[in-house]
């Protein structure tokens, strides 16, 4: 029974390129190992391109999601800010301390609520 060669790794790491190629051409076990390594390398390179495409699509989706959430937040913030301004609007600004409309004090026509009556 012939002993299997296990020098592929040491030749790959430590030997010069010429010595490595010479050993591969002479040794059946190491040439088979090199073939397996080449196939693995091809698979890794092929899958890395697929991963990069998926990764870029995921980045685009995340960016679009962030934009959508930001716009939604702006819409809600604007809506609630408008409601708060409307609810907190103080109509007492138009009435002086004696309960008379500031507009009527200036001699302008006013309606029943003390606002300017343009009719």
C-alpha atoms as a PDB file:
ATOM      1  CA  UNK A   1       0.000   0.000   0.000  1.00  0.00           C
ATOM      2  CA  UNK A   2       1.343   3.344  -1.049  1.00  0.00           C
ATOM      3  CA  UNK A   3       1.523   6.143   1.507  1.00  0.00           C
ATOM      4  CA  UNK A   4      -0.415   9.326   0.674  1.00  0.00           C
ATOM      5  CA  UNK A   5       1.664  12.521   0.238  1.00  0.00           C
ATOM      6  CA  UNK A   6       0.934  15.233   2.789  1.00  0.00           C
ATOM      7  CA  UNK A   7       3.455  17.840   1.634  1.00  0.00           C
ATOM      8  CA  UNK A   8       1.002  20.021  -0.296  1.00  0.00           C
ATOM      9  CA  UNK A   9       0.515  22.565   2.477  1.00  0.00           C
ATOM     10  CA  UNK A  10       4.194  22.910   3.307  1.00  0.00           C
ATOM     11  CA  UNK A  11       5.129  23.287  -0.374  1.00  0.00           C
ATOM     12  CA  UNK A  12       2.322  25.791  -0.876  1.00  0.00           C
ATOM     13  CA  UNK A  13       3.439  27.928   2.080  1.00  0.00           C
ATOM     14  CA  UNK A  14       7.205  27.596   2.185  1.00  0.00           C
ATOM     15  CA  UNK A  15       8.480  26.494  -1.241  1.00  0.00           C
ATOM     16  CA  UNK A  16       9.160  28.739  -4.192  1.00  0.00           C
ATOM     17  CA  UNK A  17       6.628  28.826  -6.979  1.00  0.00           C
ATOM     18  CA  UNK A  18       8.872  26.760  -9.270  1.00  0.00           C
ATOM     19  CA  UNK A  19       9.451  24.081  -6.623  1.00  0.00           C
ATOM     20  CA  UNK A  20       5.737  23.993  -5.854  1.00  0.00           C
ATOM     21  CA  UNK A  21       4.791  23.582  -9.532  1.00  0.00           C
ATOM     22  CA  UNK A  22       7.446  20.886  -9.979  1.00  0.00           C
ATOM     23  CA  UNK A  23       6.133  18.922  -7.005  1.00  0.00           C
ATOM     24  CA  UNK A  24       2.534  19.274  -8.251  1.00  0.00           C
ATOM     25  CA  UNK A  25       3.512  17.905 -11.668  1.00  0.00           C
ATOM     26  CA  UNK A  26       5.264  14.907 -10.077  1.00  0.00           C
ATOM     27  CA  UNK A  27       2.893  14.072  -7.200  1.00  0.00           C
ATOM     28  CA  UNK A  28      -0.573  12.707  -7.937  1.00  0.00           C
ATOM     29  CA  UNK A  29      -1.917  13.349  -4.419  1.00  0.00           C
ATOM     30  CA  UNK A  30      -0.789  16.974  -4.379  1.00  0.00           C
ATOM     31  CA  UNK A  31      -2.092  17.649  -7.889  1.00  0.00           C
ATOM     32  CA  UNK A  32      -5.467  16.293  -6.755  1.00  0.00           C
ATOM     33  CA  UNK A  33      -5.305  18.538  -3.673  1.00  0.00           C
ATOM     34  CA  UNK A  34      -4.463  21.546  -5.862  1.00  0.00           C
ATOM     35  CA  UNK A  35      -7.460  20.763  -8.065  1.00  0.00           C
ATOM     36  CA  UNK A  36      -9.713  20.677  -4.979  1.00  0.00           C
ATOM     37  CA  UNK A  37      -8.246  23.977  -3.751  1.00  0.00           C
ATOM     38  CA  UNK A  38      -8.790  25.584  -7.150  1.00  0.00           C
ATOM     39  CA  UNK A  39     -12.427  24.476  -7.173  1.00  0.00           C
ATOM     40  CA  UNK A  40     -12.911  25.837  -3.676  1.00  0.00           C
ATOM     41  CA  UNK A  41     -11.283  29.113  -4.657  1.00  0.00           C
ATOM     42  CA  UNK A  42     -13.600  29.403  -7.663  1.00  0.00           C
ATOM     43  CA  UNK A  43     -16.654  28.747  -5.490  1.00  0.00           C
ATOM     44  CA  UNK A  44     -15.584  31.384  -2.980  1.00  0.00           C
ATOM     45  CA  UNK A  45     -14.996  33.979  -5.691  1.00  0.00           C
ATOM     46  CA  UNK A  46     -18.301  33.118  -7.353  1.00  0.00           C
ATOM     47  CA  UNK A  47     -20.281  33.327  -4.121  1.00  0.00           C
ATOM     48  CA  UNK A  48     -18.569  36.547  -3.058  1.00  0.00           C
ATOM     49  CA  UNK A  49     -19.975  38.311  -6.130  1.00  0.00           C
ATOM     50  CA  UNK A  50     -23.464  37.065  -5.260  1.00  0.00           C
ATOM     51  CA  UNK A  51     -22.993  38.190  -1.654  1.00  0.00           C
ATOM     52  CA  UNK A  52     -21.872  41.642  -2.788  1.00  0.00           C
ATOM     53  CA  UNK A  53     -24.980  42.007  -4.951  1.00  0.00           C
ATOM     54  CA  UNK A  54     -27.231  40.931  -2.075  1.00  0.00           C
ATOM     55  CA  UNK A  55     -25.372  43.197   0.297  1.00  0.00           C
ATOM     56  CA  UNK A  56     -25.785  46.223  -1.979  1.00  0.00           C
ATOM     57  CA  UNK A  57     -29.509  45.485  -2.388  1.00  0.00           C
ATOM     58  CA  UNK A  58     -29.874  45.255   1.382  1.00  0.00           C
ATOM     59  CA  UNK A  59     -28.069  48.590   1.797  1.00  0.00           C
ATOM     60  CA  UNK A  60     -30.457  50.193  -0.686  1.00  0.00           C
ATOM     61  CA  UNK A  61     -33.459  48.735   1.149  1.00  0.00           C
ATOM     62  CA  UNK A  62     -32.144  49.967   4.508  1.00  0.00           C
ATOM     63  CA  UNK A  63     -31.529  53.438   3.102  1.00  0.00           C
ATOM     64  CA  UNK A  64     -35.026  53.605   1.615  1.00  0.00           C
ATOM     65  CA  UNK A  65     -36.503  52.419   4.909  1.00  0.00           C
ATOM     66  CA  UNK A  66     -34.607  55.121   6.804  1.00  0.00           C
ATOM     67  CA  UNK A  67     -35.839  57.770   4.359  1.00  0.00           C
ATOM     68  CA  UNK A  68     -39.441  56.558   4.674  1.00  0.00           C
ATOM     69  CA  UNK A  69     -39.260  56.557   8.480  1.00  0.00           C
ATOM     70  CA  UNK A  70     -37.756  60.053   8.502  1.00  0.00           C
ATOM     71  CA  UNK A  71     -40.492  61.396   6.247  1.00  0.00           C
ATOM     72  CA  UNK A  72     -43.178  59.739   8.349  1.00  0.00           C
ATOM     73  CA  UNK A  73     -41.662  61.239  11.488  1.00  0.00           C
ATOM     74  CA  UNK A  74     -41.632  64.689   9.882  1.00  0.00           C
ATOM     75  CA  UNK A  75     -45.277  64.356   8.858  1.00  0.00           C
ATOM     76  CA  UNK A  76     -46.348  63.301  12.354  1.00  0.00           C
ATOM     77  CA  UNK A  77     -44.232  65.972  14.027  1.00  0.00           C
ATOM     78  CA  UNK A  78     -45.639  68.646  11.727  1.00  0.00           C
ATOM     79  CA  UNK A  79     -49.188  67.462  12.285  1.00  0.00           C
ATOM     80  CA  UNK A  80     -48.943  67.362  16.060  1.00  0.00           C
ATOM     81  CA  UNK A  81     -47.070  70.657  16.203  1.00  0.00           C
ATOM     82  CA  UNK A  82     -49.854  72.244  14.151  1.00  0.00           C
ATOM     83  CA  UNK A  83     -52.506  70.805  16.446  1.00  0.00           C
ATOM     84  CA  UNK A  84     -50.683  72.092  19.526  1.00  0.00           C
ATOM     85  CA  UNK A  85     -50.330  75.568  18.041  1.00  0.00           C
ATOM     86  CA  UNK A  86     -54.006  75.607  17.105  1.00  0.00           C
ATOM     87  CA  UNK A  87     -55.120  74.356  20.533  1.00  0.00           C
ATOM     88  CA  UNK A  88     -52.892  76.765  22.444  1.00  0.00           C
ATOM     89  CA  UNK A  89     -53.714  79.857  20.400  1.00  0.00           C
ATOM     90  CA  UNK A  90     -54.698  82.510  22.878  1.00  0.00           C
ATOM     91  CA  UNK A  91     -57.581  84.668  21.710  1.00  0.00           C
ATOM     92  CA  UNK A  92     -57.269  86.780  24.848  1.00  0.00           C
ATOM     93  CA  UNK A  93     -54.562  88.702  23.024  1.00  0.00           C
ATOM     94  CA  UNK A  94     -57.345  90.617  21.258  1.00  0.00           C
ATOM     95  CA  UNK A  95     -59.125  91.530  24.498  1.00  0.00           C
ATOM     96  CA  UNK A  96     -57.700  94.113  26.931  1.00  0.00           C
ATOM     97  CA  UNK A  97     -57.972  93.923  30.719  1.00  0.00           C
ATOM     98  CA  UNK A  98     -61.384  95.621  30.810  1.00  0.00           C
ATOM     99  CA  UNK A  99     -62.908  93.015  28.466  1.00  0.00           C
ATOM    100  CA  UNK A 100     -63.156  95.358  25.470  1.00  0.00           C
ATOM    101  CA  UNK A 101     -61.713  94.366  22.118  1.00  0.00           C
ATOM    102  CA  UNK A 102     -58.458  96.098  21.224  1.00  0.00           C
ATOM    103  CA  UNK A 103     -59.786  96.500  17.686  1.00  0.00           C
ATOM    104  CA  UNK A 104     -62.946  98.301  18.869  1.00  0.00           C
ATOM    105  CA  UNK A 105     -60.833 100.617  21.053  1.00  0.00           C
ATOM    106  CA  UNK A 106     -59.140 101.812  17.888  1.00  0.00           C
ATOM    107  CA  UNK A 107     -62.538 102.734  16.456  1.00  0.00           C
ATOM    108  CA  UNK A 108     -62.792  99.890  13.958  1.00  0.00           C
ATOM    109  CA  UNK A 109     -65.995  97.886  13.472  1.00  0.00           C
ATOM    110  CA  UNK A 110     -66.105  94.553  15.343  1.00  0.00           C
ATOM    111  CA  UNK A 111     -68.442  91.573  15.412  1.00  0.00           C
ATOM    112  CA  UNK A 112     -70.042  89.996  18.509  1.00  0.00           C
ATOM    113  CA  UNK A 113     -66.775  88.260  19.428  1.00  0.00           C
ATOM    114  CA  UNK A 114     -64.610  91.391  19.287  1.00  0.00           C
ATOM    115  CA  UNK A 115     -62.934  90.553  15.976  1.00  0.00           C
ATOM    116  CA  UNK A 116     -62.650  92.942  13.067  1.00  0.00           C
ATOM    117  CA  UNK A 117     -65.877  93.035  11.053  1.00  0.00           C
ATOM    118  CA  UNK A 118     -65.094  93.830   7.447  1.00  0.00           C
ATOM    119  CA  UNK A 119     -68.764  93.797   6.317  1.00  0.00           C
END
